[in-house]
């Protein structure tokens, strides 16, 4: 149902997250906390995504495993 991304594509995505995070750090240092939190939350979700499955669904399934 969901397809996994290739290792090369995941590496590319994570490299871009690091690049964007480092590039925007000086600007984000001076922005309001809410905007900064939104950007870094988006980057965190982008980092975690390894398939076409939505990140929230993946995290929900992993949390349910810990309960049972």
C-alpha atoms as a PDB file:
ATOM      1  CA  UNK A   1       0.000   0.000   0.000  1.00  0.00           C
ATOM      2  CA  UNK A   2       2.791   2.447   0.906  1.00  0.00           C
ATOM      3  CA  UNK A   3       6.103   2.424  -0.890  1.00  0.00           C
ATOM      4  CA  UNK A   4       9.431   2.945   0.855  1.00  0.00           C
ATOM      5  CA  UNK A   5      11.865   5.496  -0.504  1.00  0.00           C
ATOM      6  CA  UNK A   6      15.265   4.346  -1.694  1.00  0.00           C
ATOM      7  CA  UNK A   7      18.264   4.797   0.613  1.00  0.00           C
ATOM      8  CA  UNK A   8      19.711   7.328  -1.839  1.00  0.00           C
ATOM      9  CA  UNK A   9      16.533   9.417  -1.762  1.00  0.00           C
ATOM     10  CA  UNK A  10      16.379   9.312   2.054  1.00  0.00           C
ATOM     11  CA  UNK A  11      20.012  10.432   2.221  1.00  0.00           C
ATOM     12  CA  UNK A  12      19.230  13.291  -0.183  1.00  0.00           C
ATOM     13  CA  UNK A  13      16.218  14.383   1.886  1.00  0.00           C
ATOM     14  CA  UNK A  14      18.187  14.343   5.131  1.00  0.00           C
ATOM     15  CA  UNK A  15      21.075  16.236   3.550  1.00  0.00           C
ATOM     16  CA  UNK A  16      18.623  18.913   2.425  1.00  0.00           C
ATOM     17  CA  UNK A  17      17.142  19.120   5.946  1.00  0.00           C
ATOM     18  CA  UNK A  18      20.601  19.714   7.418  1.00  0.00           C
ATOM     19  CA  UNK A  19      21.398  22.282   4.725  1.00  0.00           C
ATOM     20  CA  UNK A  20      18.127  24.203   5.216  1.00  0.00           C
ATOM     21  CA  UNK A  21      18.457  24.038   9.000  1.00  0.00           C
ATOM     22  CA  UNK A  22      21.986  25.435   8.942  1.00  0.00           C
ATOM     23  CA  UNK A  23      21.168  28.042   6.272  1.00  0.00           C
ATOM     24  CA  UNK A  24      18.126  29.375   8.139  1.00  0.00           C
ATOM     25  CA  UNK A  25      19.647  29.274  11.620  1.00  0.00           C
ATOM     26  CA  UNK A  26      20.900  32.893  11.632  1.00  0.00           C
ATOM     27  CA  UNK A  27      17.526  34.161  10.417  1.00  0.00           C
ATOM     28  CA  UNK A  28      15.534  31.899  12.744  1.00  0.00           C
ATOM     29  CA  UNK A  29      17.554  33.096  15.703  1.00  0.00           C
ATOM     30  CA  UNK A  30      15.874  36.498  15.350  1.00  0.00           C
ATOM     31  CA  UNK A  31      12.334  35.349  14.490  1.00  0.00           C
ATOM     32  CA  UNK A  32       9.476  34.748  16.940  1.00  0.00           C
ATOM     33  CA  UNK A  33       9.413  31.393  18.679  1.00  0.00           C
ATOM     34  CA  UNK A  34       6.156  30.274  17.025  1.00  0.00           C
ATOM     35  CA  UNK A  35       7.536  30.697  13.507  1.00  0.00           C
ATOM     36  CA  UNK A  36      10.809  29.033  14.479  1.00  0.00           C
ATOM     37  CA  UNK A  37       8.932  26.089  15.980  1.00  0.00           C
ATOM     38  CA  UNK A  38       6.836  25.670  12.823  1.00  0.00           C
ATOM     39  CA  UNK A  39       9.893  25.551  10.574  1.00  0.00           C
ATOM     40  CA  UNK A  40      11.845  23.118  12.710  1.00  0.00           C
ATOM     41  CA  UNK A  41       8.737  20.961  13.202  1.00  0.00           C
ATOM     42  CA  UNK A  42       8.356  20.774   9.435  1.00  0.00           C
ATOM     43  CA  UNK A  43      12.035  19.884   9.030  1.00  0.00           C
ATOM     44  CA  UNK A  44      11.693  17.167  11.668  1.00  0.00           C
ATOM     45  CA  UNK A  45       8.720  15.616   9.845  1.00  0.00           C
ATOM     46  CA  UNK A  46      10.639  15.830   6.557  1.00  0.00           C
ATOM     47  CA  UNK A  47      13.605  14.062   8.210  1.00  0.00           C
ATOM     48  CA  UNK A  48      11.432  11.226   9.557  1.00  0.00           C
ATOM     49  CA  UNK A  49       9.566  10.485   6.317  1.00  0.00           C
ATOM     50  CA  UNK A  50      10.994   7.326   4.755  1.00  0.00           C
ATOM     51  CA  UNK A  51       7.957   6.209   2.732  1.00  0.00           C
ATOM     52  CA  UNK A  52       4.744   7.530   1.230  1.00  0.00           C
ATOM     53  CA  UNK A  53       2.984   6.717   4.505  1.00  0.00           C
ATOM     54  CA  UNK A  54       2.034   9.887   6.420  1.00  0.00           C
ATOM     55  CA  UNK A  55       4.339  10.603   9.357  1.00  0.00           C
ATOM     56  CA  UNK A  56       1.448  10.989  11.820  1.00  0.00           C
ATOM     57  CA  UNK A  57       0.181   7.498  10.929  1.00  0.00           C
ATOM     58  CA  UNK A  58       3.629   5.970  11.359  1.00  0.00           C
ATOM     59  CA  UNK A  59       4.092   7.614  14.768  1.00  0.00           C
ATOM     60  CA  UNK A  60       0.607   6.561  15.893  1.00  0.00           C
ATOM     61  CA  UNK A  61       1.301   2.938  14.995  1.00  0.00           C
ATOM     62  CA  UNK A  62       4.650   2.999  16.815  1.00  0.00           C
ATOM     63  CA  UNK A  63       3.025   4.504  19.923  1.00  0.00           C
ATOM     64  CA  UNK A  64       0.329   1.827  19.911  1.00  0.00           C
ATOM     65  CA  UNK A  65       3.010  -0.891  19.855  1.00  0.00           C
ATOM     66  CA  UNK A  66       4.456   0.513  23.068  1.00  0.00           C
ATOM     67  CA  UNK A  67       1.100   0.309  24.800  1.00  0.00           C
ATOM     68  CA  UNK A  68       0.384  -3.315  23.950  1.00  0.00           C
END
